[in-house]
Amino acid sequence: MEKDVTDLKVDVGILQTQVSNIEGYYQKLDKLIERVVDNQESLTNQIYEDMDRRKQDTNDNIKELHSRITTIDRSLGDKIELTERRIMDEMKQLRKDITEHNTKEDREIKKILEWKWMAAGGIIVVGWLISHVKFGILEKLIN
């Protein structure tokens, strides 16, 4: 029985050592698990921060694009308005030039018509004179 008690004491001592070793392993595993959890939380927080930063960058880029589009829209609107004004000014000038040209041509045509009617009247007078005047009397007047 003594031997059994001794064997039992030895077995209990070995078990105590093994339990002590297992407790050490569990403590190390607990620390390792805590580190992994802390690491995971840190990584998760970093991921969310990155996502927020990228979202903010995207929003900033959208605002910048909107601003550029608005600026270009205004610029193009101004250029279109300026071009329209130039075209309208050119059309007004062309209309004025056409009116002046037509007025000038009307005056010239009136002059030609006056000359034509004067020539026609002169020819009629000369023709009438030739038909009604006697050349004998003219000869006496001229000499």
Foldseek 3Di string as FASTA:
>chain_A
DVVVVVVVVVVVVVVVVVVVVVVVVVVVVVVVVVVVVVVVVVVVVVVVVVVVVVVVVVVVVVVVVVVVVVVVVVVVVVVVVVVVVVVVVVVVVVVVVVVVVVVVVVVVVVVVVVVVVVVVVVVVVVVVCVVPPDVVVVVVVVD
